[in-house]
Protein backbone atom coordinates (compact mmCIF):
# COMPACT_ATOMS: atom_id res chain seq x y z
CA UNK A 1 -25.23 -112.14 50.66
CA UNK A 2 -28.23 -112.30 48.35
CA UNK A 3 -26.70 -115.71 46.52
CA UNK A 4 -26.08 -117.26 50.17
CA UNK A 5 -29.57 -116.41 51.75
CA UNK A 6 -30.86 -117.97 48.54
CA UNK A 7 -29.10 -120.69 49.07
CA UNK A 8 -30.24 -121.14 52.30
CA UNK A 9 -34.33 -121.10 52.04
CA UNK A 10 -33.15 -123.68 49.24
CA UNK A 11 -32.19 -126.37 51.38
CA UNK A 12 -34.51 -124.92 53.91
CA UNK A 13 -37.36 -125.84 51.10
CA UNK A 14 -35.10 -129.17 50.42
CA UNK A 15 -35.77 -129.68 54.30
CA UNK A 16 -39.46 -128.97 53.81
CA UNK A 17 -39.84 -131.56 51.15
CA UNK A 18 -38.33 -134.67 52.57
CA UNK A 19 -40.27 -133.67 55.78
CA UNK A 20 -44.00 -132.91 54.30
CA UNK A 21 -45.24 -136.22 52.69
CA UNK A 22 -45.15 -134.39 49.07
CA UNK A 23 -44.43 -137.99 48.64
CA UNK A 24 -43.91 -138.71 44.08
CA UNK A 25 -46.79 -136.46 41.91
CA UNK A 26 -46.24 -133.23 39.87
CA UNK A 27 -46.48 -130.67 42.94
CA UNK A 28 -43.32 -132.48 43.70
CA UNK A 29 -41.84 -132.82 40.67
CA UNK A 30 -42.41 -128.70 40.16
CA UNK A 31 -40.38 -127.84 43.62
CA UNK A 32 -38.02 -130.34 42.32
CA UNK A 33 -37.99 -128.71 39.04
CA UNK A 34 -37.85 -124.77 40.37
CA UNK A 35 -34.58 -125.97 42.22
CA UNK A 36 -32.83 -126.70 39.75
CA UNK A 37 -33.37 -123.59 37.70
CA UNK A 38 -33.25 -122.10 40.92
CA UNK A 39 -29.33 -123.69 41.67
CA UNK A 40 -28.46 -123.02 38.32
CA UNK A 41 -29.01 -119.77 38.06
CA UNK A 42 -26.86 -118.85 41.43
CA UNK A 43 -24.33 -121.69 39.33
CA UNK A 44 -23.90 -119.04 36.57
CA UNK A 45 -24.12 -121.44 34.37
CA UNK A 46 -24.55 -119.80 30.65
CA UNK A 47 -27.74 -122.00 29.78
CA UNK A 48 -30.06 -120.06 32.28
CA UNK A 49 -32.99 -120.50 33.12
CA UNK A 50 -35.33 -116.71 31.85
CA UNK A 51 -35.08 -115.30 35.24
CA UNK A 52 -38.82 -113.55 35.07
CA UNK A 53 -39.14 -117.40 34.23
CA UNK A 54 -38.14 -117.89 37.93
CA UNK A 55 -40.48 -115.87 39.09
CA UNK A 56 -43.79 -116.70 38.28
CA UNK A 57 -42.58 -120.44 38.85
CA UNK A 58 -41.68 -119.86 42.22
CA UNK A 59 -45.32 -117.85 42.05
CA UNK A 60 -46.92 -120.70 40.74
CA UNK A 61 -46.06 -122.87 42.97
CA UNK A 62 -47.25 -120.99 46.20
CA UNK A 63 -50.15 -121.08 44.27
CA UNK A 64 -50.28 -124.54 44.45
CA UNK A 65 -49.48 -125.25 47.85
CA UNK A 66 -50.14 -122.63 49.83
CA UNK A 67 -53.86 -124.28 51.60
CA UNK A 68 -51.75 -127.43 51.67
CA UNK A 69 -48.44 -126.73 53.54
CA UNK A 70 -48.61 -123.59 54.66
CA UNK A 71 -44.34 -124.01 55.81
CA UNK A 72 -43.32 -125.34 51.94
CA UNK A 73 -45.37 -122.28 51.14
CA UNK A 74 -43.47 -119.74 53.81
CA UNK A 75 -40.27 -120.76 52.45
CA UNK A 76 -41.32 -120.30 48.60
CA UNK A 77 -42.37 -116.42 49.70
CA UNK A 78 -38.62 -116.23 51.40
CA UNK A 79 -37.41 -117.28 47.93
CA UNK A 80 -39.50 -114.97 46.32
CA UNK A 81 -38.11 -112.07 48.92
CA UNK A 82 -35.07 -113.02 48.29
CA UNK A 83 -35.05 -112.73 43.93
CA UNK A 84 -36.48 -109.95 44.22
CA UNK A 85 -34.36 -108.24 46.36
CA UNK A 86 -31.44 -109.52 43.64
CA UNK A 87 -32.84 -107.58 40.62
CA UNK A 88 -34.60 -110.46 39.37
């Protein structure tokens, strides 16, 4: 159940990124890297990113985006809540 919710949030984040005007730059690169790391975790690859690193990366992204992109931040908060519910 948590995996499905996380995948849904990741898809919602992708749509928001595409429609938010983030353009190119460090914020977009950070979010794309975060999405990739989360998908790696969901897929159960052997070279998973460290779990604490995922939570820290989500929190860092929230800090960088919360004023300028509140909808993107809301989605990141959903992801953070889902990771917490999954014990990550």
